[in-house]
C-alpha atoms as a PDB file:
ATOM      1  CA  MET A   1      42.795 276.685  59.346  1.00  0.00           C
ATOM      2  CA  VAL A   2      43.154 272.962  60.232  1.00  0.00           C
ATOM      3  CA  PHE A   3      45.356 270.802  58.841  1.00  0.00           C
ATOM      4  CA  LYS A   4      42.900 268.745  56.914  1.00  0.00           C
ATOM      5  CA  ARG A   5      44.860 265.305  56.844  1.00  0.00           C
ATOM      6  CA  LEU A   6      46.693 263.125  59.233  1.00  0.00           C
ATOM      7  CA  LEU A   7      50.522 263.426  58.817  1.00  0.00           C
ATOM      8  CA  GLY A   8      51.360 261.476  56.051  1.00  0.00           C
ATOM      9  CA  SER A   9      54.483 259.958  57.344  1.00  0.00           C
ATOM     10  CA  LEU A  10      52.668 258.579  60.527  1.00  0.00           C
ATOM     11  CA  GLY A  11      49.319 257.281  58.874  1.00  0.00           C
ATOM     12  CA  VAL A  12      46.012 257.082  60.679  1.00  0.00           C
ATOM     13  CA  GLY A  13      46.399 258.024  64.402  1.00  0.00           C
ATOM     14  CA  GLY A  14      48.730 260.746  63.977  1.00  0.00           C
ATOM     15  CA  PRO A  15      48.766 264.066  65.591  1.00  0.00           C
ATOM     16  CA  THR A  16      47.198 266.891  63.850  1.00  0.00           C
ATOM     17  CA  VAL A  17      47.858 271.062  63.878  1.00  0.00           C
ATOM     18  CA  ASP A  18      46.141 274.021  63.848  1.00  0.00           C
ATOM     19  CA  THR A  19      47.909 277.771  63.683  1.00  0.00           C
ATOM     20  CA  VAL A  20      45.960 280.444  64.921  1.00  0.00           C
ATOM     21  CA  LEU A  21      47.229 283.961  64.141  1.00  0.00           C
ATOM     22  CA  ASP A  22      46.300 286.988  66.631  1.00  0.00           C
ATOM     23  CA  PRO A  23      43.528 289.182  65.092  1.00  0.00           C
ATOM     24  CA  GLY A  24      44.266 292.047  62.975  1.00  0.00           C
ATOM     25  CA  ALA A  25      46.905 293.388  60.821  1.00  0.00           C
ATOM     26  CA  PHE A  26      50.403 292.853  61.316  1.00  0.00           C
ATOM     27  CA  ARG A  27      53.291 295.373  60.336  1.00  0.00           C
ATOM     28  CA  PRO A  28      56.446 295.144  58.292  1.00  0.00           C
ATOM     29  CA  GLY A  29      59.555 294.774  61.086  1.00  0.00           C
ATOM     30  CA  GLY A  30      56.854 294.247  63.789  1.00  0.00           C
ATOM     31  CA  SER A  31      55.964 291.147  65.838  1.00  0.00           C
ATOM     32  CA  LEU A  32      53.654 288.127  64.460  1.00  0.00           C
ATOM     33  CA  THR A  33      52.097 286.623  67.120  1.00  0.00           C
ATOM     34  CA  GLY A  34      49.760 283.561  67.778  1.00  0.00           C
ATOM     35  CA  GLN A  35      49.751 279.835  68.794  1.00  0.00           C
ATOM     36  CA  VAL A  36      50.101 276.537  67.408  1.00  0.00           C
ATOM     37  CA  HIS A  37      47.475 274.077  68.682  1.00  0.00           C
ATOM     38  CA  LEU A  38      48.449 270.369  68.790  1.00  0.00           C
ATOM     39  CA  LYS A  39      46.628 267.402  69.094  1.00  0.00           C
ATOM     40  CA  GLY A  40      47.894 264.024  69.936  1.00  0.00           C
ATOM     41  CA  GLY A  41      47.173 260.849  68.018  1.00  0.00           C
ATOM     42  CA  ASP A  42      46.293 257.436  69.172  1.00  0.00           C
ATOM     43  CA  ALA A  43      49.963 257.076  70.506  1.00  0.00           C
ATOM     44  CA  ASP A  44      52.736 259.127  71.878  1.00  0.00           C
ATOM     45  CA  PHE A  45      55.021 260.899  69.162  1.00  0.00           C
ATOM     46  CA  ASP A  46      58.195 262.692  69.554  1.00  0.00           C
ATOM     47  CA  ILE A  47      58.068 266.019  68.315  1.00  0.00           C
ATOM     48  CA  GLU A  48      61.228 267.445  66.898  1.00  0.00           C
ATOM     49  CA  HIS A  49      60.465 270.817  66.225  1.00  0.00           C
ATOM     50  CA  ILE A  50      57.581 273.215  65.084  1.00  0.00           C
ATOM     51  CA  THR A  51      58.717 275.637  62.096  1.00  0.00           C
ATOM     52  CA  LEU A  52      56.772 278.612  60.492  1.00  0.00           C
ATOM     53  CA  GLU A  53      57.218 279.517  57.208  1.00  0.00           C
ATOM     54  CA  LEU A  54      56.194 282.878  55.552  1.00  0.00           C
ATOM     55  CA  VAL A  55      55.350 282.480  52.006  1.00  0.00           C
ATOM     56  CA  ALA A  56      54.216 284.747  49.361  1.00  0.00           C
ATOM     57  CA  ARG A  57      52.452 284.480  45.871  1.00  0.00           C
ATOM     58  CA  VAL A  58      55.044 286.113  43.331  1.00  0.00           C
ATOM     59  CA  GLU A  59      55.020 286.506  39.499  1.00  0.00           C
ATOM     60  CA  ALA A  60      58.172 286.016  37.523  1.00  0.00           C
ATOM     61  CA  GLU A  61      59.269 287.220  33.987  1.00  0.00           C
ATOM     62  CA  HIS A  62      61.243 285.092  31.983  1.00  0.00           C
ATOM     63  CA  GLU A  63      62.072 284.349  28.210  1.00  0.00           C
ATOM     64  CA  ASP A  64      58.796 282.270  27.604  1.00  0.00           C
ATOM     65  CA  GLY A  65      56.502 284.713  29.302  1.00  0.00           C
ATOM     66  CA  GLU A  66      55.337 285.469  32.745  1.00  0.00           C
ATOM     67  CA  SER A  67      54.624 282.558  35.427  1.00  0.00           C
ATOM     68  CA  GLU A  68      53.548 282.471  39.351  1.00  0.00           C
ATOM     69  CA  GLY A  69      54.955 280.496  41.953  1.00  0.00           C
ATOM     70  CA  THR A  70      55.291 280.301  45.824  1.00  0.00           C
ATOM     71  CA  VAL A  71      58.377 281.724  47.538  1.00  0.00           C
ATOM     72  CA  VAL A  72      59.118 281.217  50.993  1.00  0.00           C
ATOM     73  CA  PHE A  73      61.027 284.473  52.299  1.00  0.00           C
ATOM     74  CA  ASP A  74      61.442 283.815  56.094  1.00  0.00           C
ATOM     75  CA  ARG A  75      61.134 280.871  58.437  1.00  0.00           C
ATOM     76  CA  PHE A  76      61.099 280.442  62.252  1.00  0.00           C
ATOM     77  CA  THR A  77      61.525 277.590  64.723  1.00  0.00           C
ATOM     78  CA  VAL A  78      58.744 278.169  67.622  1.00  0.00           C
ATOM     79  CA  ALA A  79      59.215 275.184  69.363  1.00  0.00           C
ATOM     80  CA  GLY A  80      61.876 272.751  70.232  1.00  0.00           C
ATOM     81  CA  ALA A  81      61.747 268.900  70.895  1.00  0.00           C
ATOM     82  CA  PHE A  82      59.223 267.557  72.929  1.00  0.00           C
ATOM     83  CA  ARG A  83      56.944 264.367  73.381  1.00  0.00           C
ATOM     84  CA  LEU A  84      53.191 264.644  72.577  1.00  0.00           C
ATOM     85  CA  ALA A  85      51.112 262.051  74.590  1.00  0.00           C
ATOM     86  CA  ALA A  86      48.454 260.318  72.986  1.00  0.00           C
ATOM     87  CA  GLY A  87      45.402 262.542  72.707  1.00  0.00           C
ATOM     88  CA  GLU A  88      47.342 265.362  74.269  1.00  0.00           C
ATOM     89  CA  HIS A  89      46.267 268.903  73.700  1.00  0.00           C
ATOM     90  CA  ARG A  90      49.106 271.256  73.495  1.00  0.00           C
ATOM     91  CA  SER A  91      49.681 275.014  72.618  1.00  0.00           C
ATOM     92  CA  ALA A  92      52.853 276.636  71.680  1.00  0.00           C
ATOM     93  CA  PRO A  93      52.595 280.574  71.842  1.00  0.00           C
ATOM     94  CA  PHE A  94      54.943 282.246  69.135  1.00  0.00           C
ATOM     95  CA  ALA A  95      56.127 285.947  68.575  1.00  0.00           C
ATOM     96  CA  VAL A  96      58.447 286.404  65.698  1.00  0.00           C
ATOM     97  CA  VAL A  97      59.837 289.462  63.846  1.00  0.00           C
ATOM     98  CA  LEU A  98      58.377 290.101  60.308  1.00  0.00           C
ATOM     99  CA  PRO A  99      61.034 290.836  57.609  1.00  0.00           C
ATOM    100  CA  TRP A 100      60.910 294.878  56.924  1.00  0.00           C
ATOM    101  CA  GLU A 101      60.106 294.342  53.518  1.00  0.00           C
ATOM    102  CA  THR A 102      57.070 292.070  54.250  1.00  0.00           C
ATOM    103  CA  PRO A 103      54.647 293.547  51.432  1.00  0.00           C
ATOM    104  CA  VAL A 104      51.674 295.183  52.306  1.00  0.00           C
ATOM    105  CA  THR A 105      48.202 293.158  51.852  1.00  0.00           C
ATOM    106  CA  GLU A 106      45.559 295.953  52.777  1.00  0.00           C
ATOM    107  CA  LEU A 107      45.350 299.536  52.957  1.00  0.00           C
ATOM    108  CA  TYR A 108      42.699 301.351  55.075  1.00  0.00           C
ATOM    109  CA  GLY A 109      40.991 298.005  55.697  1.00  0.00           C
ATOM    110  CA  GLN A 110      40.516 297.078  51.976  1.00  0.00           C
ATOM    111  CA  ALA A 111      42.637 293.907  50.268  1.00  0.00           C
ATOM    112  CA  LEU A 112      44.900 294.729  47.873  1.00  0.00           C
ATOM    113  CA  GLY A 113      44.976 291.169  46.182  1.00  0.00           C
ATOM    114  CA  ILE A 114      48.652 290.284  47.437  1.00  0.00           C
ATOM    115  CA  VAL A 115      48.612 286.714  48.795  1.00  0.00           C
ATOM    116  CA  LEU A 116      50.871 286.053  51.836  1.00  0.00           C
ATOM    117  CA  GLY A 117      50.690 283.110  54.063  1.00  0.00           C
ATOM    118  CA  VAL A 118      52.003 281.610  57.335  1.00  0.00           C
ATOM    119  CA  ARG A 119      52.703 277.806  56.766  1.00  0.00           C
ATOM    120  CA  THR A 120      53.231 275.347  59.795  1.00  0.00           C
ATOM    121  CA  GLU A 121      55.888 272.703  59.437  1.00  0.00           C
ATOM    122  CA  LEU A 122      55.912 269.848  62.056  1.00  0.00           C
ATOM    123  CA  SER A 123      58.715 267.769  62.166  1.00  0.00           C
ATOM    124  CA  VAL A 124      58.094 264.181  63.828  1.00  0.00           C
ATOM    125  CA  ALA A 125      60.241 261.429  64.263  1.00  0.00           C
ATOM    126  CA  GLY A 126      62.368 262.548  61.330  1.00  0.00           C
ATOM    127  CA  ALA A 127      59.595 263.321  58.742  1.00  0.00           C
ATOM    128  CA  LYS A 128      58.686 266.934  58.150  1.00  0.00           C
ATOM    129  CA  ASP A 129      54.872 267.682  57.214  1.00  0.00           C
ATOM    130  CA  LYS A 130      53.864 270.948  55.778  1.00  0.00           C
ATOM    131  CA  GLY A 131      50.353 271.230  57.274  1.00  0.00           C
ATOM    132  CA  ASP A 132      48.408 274.317  58.164  1.00  0.00           C
ATOM    133  CA  LEU A 133      48.322 277.379  55.909  1.00  0.00           C
ATOM    134  CA  ASP A 134      46.895 280.630  57.416  1.00  0.00           C
ATOM    135  CA  GLN A 135      46.535 283.942  55.486  1.00  0.00           C
ATOM    136  CA  LEU A 136      48.854 286.709  56.534  1.00  0.00           C
ATOM    137  CA  THR A 137      47.483 290.261  56.545  1.00  0.00           C
ATOM    138  CA  VAL A 138      49.862 293.284  56.737  1.00  0.00           C
ATOM    139  CA  GLY A 139      49.261 296.825  56.841  1.00  0.00           C
ATOM    140  CA  PRO A 140      51.326 299.865  56.232  1.00  0.00           C
ATOM    141  CA  LEU A 141      54.065 301.467  57.949  1.00  0.00           C
ATOM    142  CA  PRO A 142      53.435 305.098  58.876  1.00  0.00           C
ATOM    143  CA  ALA A 143      55.534 306.557  56.491  1.00  0.00           C
ATOM    144  CA  GLN A 144      53.871 303.924  53.928  1.00  0.00           C
ATOM    145  CA  GLU A 145      50.570 305.311  54.736  1.00  0.00           C
ATOM    146  CA  ALA A 146      51.796 308.925  54.604  1.00  0.00           C
ATOM    147  CA  VAL A 147      53.048 308.290  50.929  1.00  0.00           C
ATOM    148  CA  LEU A 148      49.939 306.678  50.071  1.00  0.00           C
ATOM    149  CA  GLU A 149      47.426 309.046  51.411  1.00  0.00           C
ATOM    150  CA  ALA A 150      49.281 311.856  49.774  1.00  0.00           C
ATOM    151  CA  LEU A 151      49.512 310.413  46.465  1.00  0.00           C
ATOM    152  CA  GLY A 152      45.603 310.049  46.872  1.00  0.00           C
ATOM    153  CA  GLN A 153      44.975 313.707  47.712  1.00  0.00           C
ATOM    154  CA  LEU A 154      47.290 314.676  44.873  1.00  0.00           C
ATOM    155  CA  GLY A 155      44.894 312.923  42.678  1.00  0.00           C
ATOM    156  CA  PHE A 156      46.391 309.587  41.816  1.00  0.00           C
ATOM    157  CA  GLY A 157      44.430 306.473  41.726  1.00  0.00           C
ATOM    158  CA  PHE A 158      45.068 302.841  42.424  1.00  0.00           C
ATOM    159  CA  ARG A 159      45.192 300.568  39.671  1.00  0.00           C
ATOM    160  CA  SER A 160      46.722 297.055  40.956  1.00  0.00           C
ATOM    161  CA  ALA A 161      49.430 295.593  43.105  1.00  0.00           C
ATOM    162  CA  ASP A 162      51.504 292.538  42.729  1.00  0.00           C
ATOM    163  CA  LEU A 163      54.647 291.045  43.840  1.00  0.00           C
ATOM    164  CA  GLU A 164      57.571 290.830  41.213  1.00  0.00           C
ATOM    165  CA  TYR A 165      60.158 288.224  41.263  1.00  0.00           C
ATOM    166  CA  GLY A 166      63.896 289.924  41.213  1.00  0.00           C
ATOM    167  CA  ARG A 167      65.957 292.869  42.636  1.00  0.00           C
ATOM    168  CA  ILE A 168      66.034 296.363  42.088  1.00  0.00           C
ATOM    169  CA  GLY A 169      69.620 297.399  41.771  1.00  0.00           C
ATOM    170  CA  GLY A 170      71.139 300.221  43.743  1.00  0.00           C
ATOM    171  CA  THR A 171      68.927 299.653  46.796  1.00  0.00           C
ATOM    172  CA  GLY A 172      69.167 297.950  50.036  1.00  0.00           C
ATOM    173  CA  GLN A 173      66.496 295.414  49.027  1.00  0.00           C
ATOM    174  CA  GLN A 174      66.858 292.103  51.038  1.00  0.00           C
ATOM    175  CA  LEU A 175      64.023 289.970  49.982  1.00  0.00           C
ATOM    176  CA  PRO A 176      64.267 287.937  46.533  1.00  0.00           C
ATOM    177  CA  PHE A 177      61.031 289.953  45.227  1.00  0.00           C
ATOM    178  CA  TYR A 178      59.559 293.549  45.615  1.00  0.00           C
ATOM    179  CA  GLN A 179      56.201 294.845  45.782  1.00  0.00           C
ATOM    180  CA  GLU A 180      54.730 296.997  42.654  1.00  0.00           C
ATOM    181  CA  ILE A 181      51.837 299.294  43.461  1.00  0.00           C
ATOM    182  CA  GLU A 182      50.603 300.597  40.117  1.00  0.00           C
ATOM    183  CA  LEU A 183      48.842 303.793  39.899  1.00  0.00           C
ATOM    184  CA  THR A 184      46.865 306.018  37.750  1.00  0.00           C
ATOM    185  CA  PRO A 185      48.176 309.570  37.141  1.00  0.00           C
ATOM    186  CA  ALA A 186      46.663 312.476  38.529  1.00  0.00           C
ATOM    187  CA  PRO A 187      45.082 314.731  36.094  1.00  0.00           C
ATOM    188  CA  ARG A 188      47.932 317.266  36.034  1.00  0.00           C
ATOM    189  CA  TYR A 189      50.633 314.566  34.870  1.00  0.00           C
ATOM    190  CA  ALA A 190      48.184 312.381  32.744  1.00  0.00           C
ATOM    191  CA  HIS A 191      49.790 313.858  29.706  1.00  0.00           C
ATOM    192  CA  GLN A 192      53.098 313.125  30.502  1.00  0.00           C
ATOM    193  CA  VAL A 193      52.847 309.533  32.094  1.00  0.00           C
ATOM    194  CA  ASN A 194      50.748 306.460  31.641  1.00  0.00           C
ATOM    195  CA  GLU A 195      51.094 305.220  35.035  1.00  0.00           C
ATOM    196  CA  ILE A 196      53.258 305.493  38.105  1.00  0.00           C
ATOM    197  CA  GLU A 197      54.714 302.566  39.865  1.00  0.00           C
ATOM    198  CA  LEU A 198      55.692 302.690  43.227  1.00  0.00           C
ATOM    199  CA  THR A 199      57.805 300.136  45.260  1.00  0.00           C
ATOM    200  CA  PHE A 200      58.600 300.488  49.282  1.00  0.00           C
ATOM    201  CA  LEU A 201      61.694 298.910  50.681  1.00  0.00           C
ATOM    202  CA  ALA A 202      61.695 299.085  54.407  1.00  0.00           C
ATOM    203  CA  GLY A 203      64.532 298.832  56.855  1.00  0.00           C
ATOM    204  CA  PRO A 204      65.456 299.223  60.382  1.00  0.00           C
ATOM    205  CA  ALA A 205      66.641 302.872  59.495  1.00  0.00           C
ATOM    206  CA  GLY A 206      63.861 303.829  57.348  1.00  0.00           C
ATOM    207  CA  LEU A 207      62.041 303.601  54.089  1.00  0.00           C
ATOM    208  CA  GLU A 208      63.315 303.739  50.414  1.00  0.00           C
ATOM    209  CA  VAL A 209      60.542 304.817  48.045  1.00  0.00           C
ATOM    210  CA  VAL A 210      61.185 303.735  44.548  1.00  0.00           C
ATOM    211  CA  LEU A 211      58.985 305.601  41.878  1.00  0.00           C
ATOM    212  CA  GLU A 212      59.140 304.668  38.057  1.00  0.00           C
ATOM    213  CA  ALA A 213      57.003 306.394  35.331  1.00  0.00           C
ATOM    214  CA  ASP A 214      55.936 304.622  32.172  1.00  0.00           C
ATOM    215  CA  LYS A 215      56.449 307.870  30.089  1.00  0.00           C
ATOM    216  CA  ARG A 216      54.265 308.799  27.188  1.00  0.00           C
ATOM    217  CA  GLY A 217      56.057 309.125  23.773  1.00  0.00           C
ATOM    218  CA  GLY A 218      56.003 312.506  22.072  1.00  0.00           C
ATOM    219  CA  LEU A 219      55.358 313.357  18.312  1.00  0.00           C
ATOM    220  CA  PHE A 220      58.771 312.555  17.425  1.00  0.00           C
ATOM    221  CA  SER A 221      60.148 310.614  20.249  1.00  0.00           C
ATOM    222  CA  GLU A 222      59.354 307.294  21.845  1.00  0.00           C
ATOM    223  CA  GLY A 223      57.858 306.687  25.215  1.00  0.00           C
ATOM    224  CA  HIS A 224      60.373 305.127  27.864  1.00  0.00           C
ATOM    225  CA  ASP A 225      60.639 304.646  31.633  1.00  0.00           C
ATOM    226  CA  ALA A 226      61.954 306.860  34.339  1.00  0.00           C
ATOM    227  CA  LEU A 227      62.824 305.926  37.683  1.00  0.00           C
ATOM    228  CA  THR A 228      64.089 307.882  40.682  1.00  0.00           C
ATOM    229  CA  ARG A 229      64.308 306.937  44.433  1.00  0.00           C
ATOM    230  CA  PHE A 230      64.033 308.871  47.798  1.00  0.00           C
ATOM    231  CA  THR A 231      64.485 307.934  51.579  1.00  0.00           C
ATOM    232  CA  VAL A 232      62.357 308.725  54.524  1.00  0.00           C
ATOM    233  CA  GLY A 233      62.327 308.193  58.251  1.00  0.00           C
ATOM    234  CA  HIS A 234      59.919 305.884  59.737  1.00  0.00           C
ATOM    235  CA  HIS A 235      58.522 308.647  61.621  1.00  0.00           C
ATOM    236  CA  ASP A 236      59.298 311.753  59.748  1.00  0.00           C
ATOM    237  CA  GLU A 237      56.944 314.771  60.054  1.00  0.00           C
ATOM    238  CA  ARG A 238      56.795 316.479  56.758  1.00  0.00           C
ATOM    239  CA  ASP A 239      54.338 318.182  54.387  1.00  0.00           C
ATOM    240  CA  TRP A 240      53.512 314.960  52.702  1.00  0.00           C
ATOM    241  CA  ASN A 241      51.683 316.435  49.676  1.00  0.00           C
ATOM    242  CA  THR A 242      54.175 319.093  49.107  1.00  0.00           C
ATOM    243  CA  GLU A 243      57.058 316.465  49.393  1.00  0.00           C
ATOM    244  CA  VAL A 244      55.480 313.689  47.451  1.00  0.00           C
ATOM    245  CA  ASP A 245      54.444 316.277  44.588  1.00  0.00           C
ATOM    246  CA  GLY A 246      58.107 317.109  44.260  1.00  0.00           C
ATOM    247  CA  TRP A 247      59.013 313.565  43.878  1.00  0.00           C
ATOM    248  CA  ILE A 248      56.789 313.110  40.946  1.00  0.00           C
ATOM    249  CA  ARG A 249      57.663 316.283  39.029  1.00  0.00           C
ATOM    250  CA  HIS A 250      61.407 315.271  39.679  1.00  0.00           C
ATOM    251  CA  LEU A 251      60.604 311.996  38.083  1.00  0.00           C
ATOM    252  CA  VAL A 252      58.496 313.035  35.187  1.00  0.00           C
ATOM    253  CA  GLU A 253      60.837 315.610  34.245  1.00  0.00           C
ATOM    254  CA  HIS A 254      63.871 313.619  34.281  1.00  0.00           C
ATOM    255  CA  ARG A 255      64.922 312.875  30.675  1.00  0.00           C
ATOM    256  CA  ALA A 256      67.131 309.938  31.105  1.00  0.00           C
ATOM    257  CA  SER A 257      65.695 306.928  30.542  1.00  0.00           C
ATOM    258  CA  TYR A 258      65.624 304.256  33.363  1.00  0.00           C
ATOM    259  CA  GLY A 259      67.439 301.588  31.195  1.00  0.00           C
ATOM    260  CA  ALA A 260      70.220 304.086  31.150  1.00  0.00           C
ATOM    261  CA  HIS A 261      71.075 304.132  34.877  1.00  0.00           C
ATOM    262  CA  THR A 262      73.882 301.760  35.478  1.00  0.00           C
ATOM    263  CA  SER A 263      73.042 302.006  39.498  1.00  0.00           C
ATOM    264  CA  TYR A 264      69.768 300.570  39.137  1.00  0.00           C
ATOM    265  CA  GLY A 265      68.254 297.477  37.347  1.00  0.00           C
ATOM    266  CA  ARG A 266      66.058 294.402  37.729  1.00  0.00           C
ATOM    267  CA  GLU A 267      67.373 290.945  37.785  1.00  0.00           C
ATOM    268  CA  GLY A 268      65.198 288.072  37.857  1.00  0.00           C
ATOM    269  CA  THR A 269      66.054 284.199  38.450  1.00  0.00           C
ATOM    270  CA  TYR A 270      63.666 281.329  37.731  1.00  0.00           C
ATOM    271  CA  GLY A 271      63.892 277.775  38.970  1.00  0.00           C
ATOM    272  CA  HIS A 272      64.410 274.861  36.515  1.00  0.00           C
ATOM    273  CA  ASP A 273      61.734 272.999  38.106  1.00  0.00           C
ATOM    274  CA  GLY A 274      59.228 275.714  37.893  1.00  0.00           C
ATOM    275  CA  ALA A 275      59.429 276.889  41.451  1.00  0.00           C
ATOM    276  CA  TYR A 276      61.270 280.026  42.313  1.00  0.00           C
ATOM    277  CA  GLY A 277      64.354 279.942  44.572  1.00  0.00           C
ATOM    278  CA  ALA A 278      64.027 282.187  47.741  1.00  0.00           C
ATOM    279  CA  HIS A 279      66.179 283.451  50.437  1.00  0.00           C
ATOM    280  CA  GLY A 280      68.080 280.236  50.940  1.00  0.00           C
ATOM    281  CA  TYR A 281      65.138 278.098  51.471  1.00  0.00           C
ATOM    282  CA  GLY A 282      63.845 277.693  47.752  1.00  0.00           C
ATOM    283  CA  HIS A 283      65.387 275.734  44.996  1.00  0.00           C
ATOM    284  CA  ASP A 284      69.245 276.136  44.237  1.00  0.00           C
ATOM    285  CA  GLN A 285      68.844 275.274  40.718  1.00  0.00           C
ATOM    286  CA  ARG A 286      68.302 278.315  38.404  1.00  0.00           C
ATOM    287  CA  HIS A 287      68.740 279.170  35.052  1.00  0.00           C
ATOM    288  CA  ASP A 288      67.401 281.970  32.369  1.00  0.00           C
ATOM    289  CA  GLU A 289      68.634 285.146  34.342  1.00  0.00           C
ATOM    290  CA  HIS A 290      68.286 288.262  32.902  1.00  0.00           C
ATOM    291  CA  HIS A 291      68.497 291.920  32.825  1.00  0.00           C
ATOM    292  CA  ASP A 292      65.028 293.207  32.090  1.00  0.00           C
ATOM    293  CA  GLY A 293      66.673 297.108  31.157  1.00  0.00           C
ATOM    294  CA  GLY A 294      64.442 298.675  33.975  1.00  0.00           C
ATOM    295  CA  ARG A 295      61.279 297.882  32.806  1.00  0.00           C
ATOM    296  CA  ARG A 296      58.535 296.236  35.127  1.00  0.00           C
ATOM    297  CA  SER A 297      56.005 293.930  33.945  1.00  0.00           C
ATOM    298  CA  GLY A 298      52.438 294.680  33.942  1.00  0.00           C
ATOM    299  CA  PRO A 299      49.849 293.418  36.400  1.00  0.00           C
ATOM    300  CA  GLY A 300      49.579 289.747  36.728  1.00  0.00           C
ATOM    301  CA  ILE A 301      47.374 289.053  39.688  1.00  0.00           C
ATOM    302  CA  GLY A 302      44.939 291.574  38.249  1.00  0.00           C
ATOM    303  CA  THR A 303      43.314 294.576  39.471  1.00  0.00           C
ATOM    304  CA  ALA A 304      42.707 294.273  42.917  1.00  0.00           C
ATOM    305  CA  VAL A 305      40.722 297.880  43.940  1.00  0.00           C
ATOM    306  CA  ALA A 306      38.707 299.814  41.740  1.00  0.00           C
ATOM    307  CA  ALA A 307      40.036 303.332  42.058  1.00  0.00           C
ATOM    308  CA  GLY A 308      37.744 306.197  42.899  1.00  0.00           C
ATOM    309  CA  ALA A 309      37.926 309.381  40.789  1.00  0.00           C
ATOM    310  CA  ALA A 310      38.603 311.341  43.910  1.00  0.00           C
ATOM    311  CA  GLY A 311      42.182 309.832  44.329  1.00  0.00           C
ATOM    312  CA  LEU A 312      44.085 306.873  45.831  1.00  0.00           C
ATOM    313  CA  ALA A 313      42.816 307.152  49.587  1.00  0.00           C
ATOM    314  CA  VAL A 314      39.074 307.322  48.500  1.00  0.00           C
ATOM    315  CA  GLY A 315      39.498 304.838  45.580  1.00  0.00           C
ATOM    316  CA  VAL A 316      40.762 302.409  47.832  1.00  0.00           C
ATOM    317  CA  VAL A 317      38.337 302.954  50.766  1.00  0.00           C
ATOM    318  CA  GLY A 318      35.334 303.213  48.746  1.00  0.00           C
ATOM    319  CA  GLY A 319      36.132 301.168  45.748  1.00  0.00           C
ATOM    320  CA  MET A 320      35.176 297.596  45.167  1.00  0.00           C
ATOM    321  CA  VAL A 321      37.858 294.617  45.519  1.00  0.00           C
ATOM    322  CA  ALA A 322      37.804 293.064  42.042  1.00  0.00           C
ATOM    323  CA  ALA A 323      36.286 289.283  42.312  1.00  0.00           C
ATOM    324  CA  GLU A 324      39.397 287.781  40.332  1.00  0.00           C
ATOM    325  CA  ALA A 325      41.651 289.235  43.188  1.00  0.00           C
ATOM    326  CA  VAL A 326      39.542 287.330  46.223  1.00  0.00           C
ATOM    327  CA  ASP A 327      39.135 284.287  43.999  1.00  0.00           C
ATOM    328  CA  GLU A 328      42.696 283.972  43.574  1.00  0.00           C
ATOM    329  CA  ILE A 329      43.491 284.296  47.194  1.00  0.00           C
ATOM    330  CA  GLY A 330      40.871 281.818  48.387  1.00  0.00           C
ATOM    331  CA  ASP A 331      42.134 279.633  45.593  1.00  0.00           C
ATOM    332  CA  PHE A 332      45.954 279.902  46.638  1.00  0.00           C
ATOM    333  CA  PHE A 333      44.848 278.436  49.865  1.00  0.00           C
ATOM    334  CA  GLU A 334      42.759 275.894  48.844  1.00  0.00           C
ATOM    335  CA  ASP A 335      45.338 274.700  46.180  1.00  0.00           C
ATOM    336  CA  GLU A 336      47.880 274.590  49.043  1.00  0.00           C
ATOM    337  CA  GLY A 337      45.721 272.518  51.139  1.00  0.00           C
ATOM    338  CA  ASP A 338      45.115 270.213  48.259  1.00  0.00           C
ATOM    339  CA  ASP A 339      48.720 269.790  47.500  1.00  0.00           C
ATOM    340  CA  GLU A 340      49.349 268.907  51.091  1.00  0.00           C
ATOM    341  CA  GLY A 341      46.704 266.161  51.080  1.00  0.00           C
ATOM    342  CA  GLU A 342      48.330 264.427  48.213  1.00  0.00           C
ATOM    343  CA  ASP A 343      51.262 261.989  49.226  1.00  0.00           C
END
């Protein structure tokens, strides 16, 4: 995606930038590779640095309801100071490491409706211009895929996926948001739970799998949430169907409500100016901090994939990507591009 305007601080005749990611899906904790292509303007310019920002479309809950915003969750300087001559074409290859908790945007080649991007920042003569924004595609780690495959084979269906701003207490979460995958229950559990919500928190040593059940209420009791957490290695060899089914049984049979667990909790902060603070790169001004009692919000981005009756794996592979999810991804990049063109 080419930077659609000349650098605003330099006026007509300034350089342009185009970042091209290598083809294919990247993996959490793996290398993000590509090249930044520069084209010189009508005069020589001193480039101070080229920086890449990883951005995500994230939802946040606050007292007034739900909102969406853009979070910068990591940034990398991929080129230092150099002079770009008039009309010169120059490319800067890069290879940076994605955070382990980078959300998964596709499963079996099917988009999940999660919006991630790589934004290029060019610093010239003391001015910084955020230009080129490219969609980032991230596939699952082997353990993530194994868990999702097992859930599909056990009869769970895919409902939606989104990114929630906040933290899950008692875990090793590093990013200021977490990915939430919502599943319809397998038939054997349908009378006990309304849905299962799944979060992966990957790290160098392995994977934390956080499962939450929105439990059905009985005749004399109210429904409530229950949560449990398991850890696996990145390359564990297990009977995944048996393992995951044991996790679900433990979850749905657990009688203590999620809100009673002091070791877990979800905290959210919302920026005063309508944007979200993130990983040291967002806004410092925050208010309306709250603890939501462990309850997760409902889907906000909307259903990404229509789950098939045969389960998660078949549902995602054979399902249809909802038009609203595709439109939202496209709108995100168009809106960002339009915003960059306004001074």
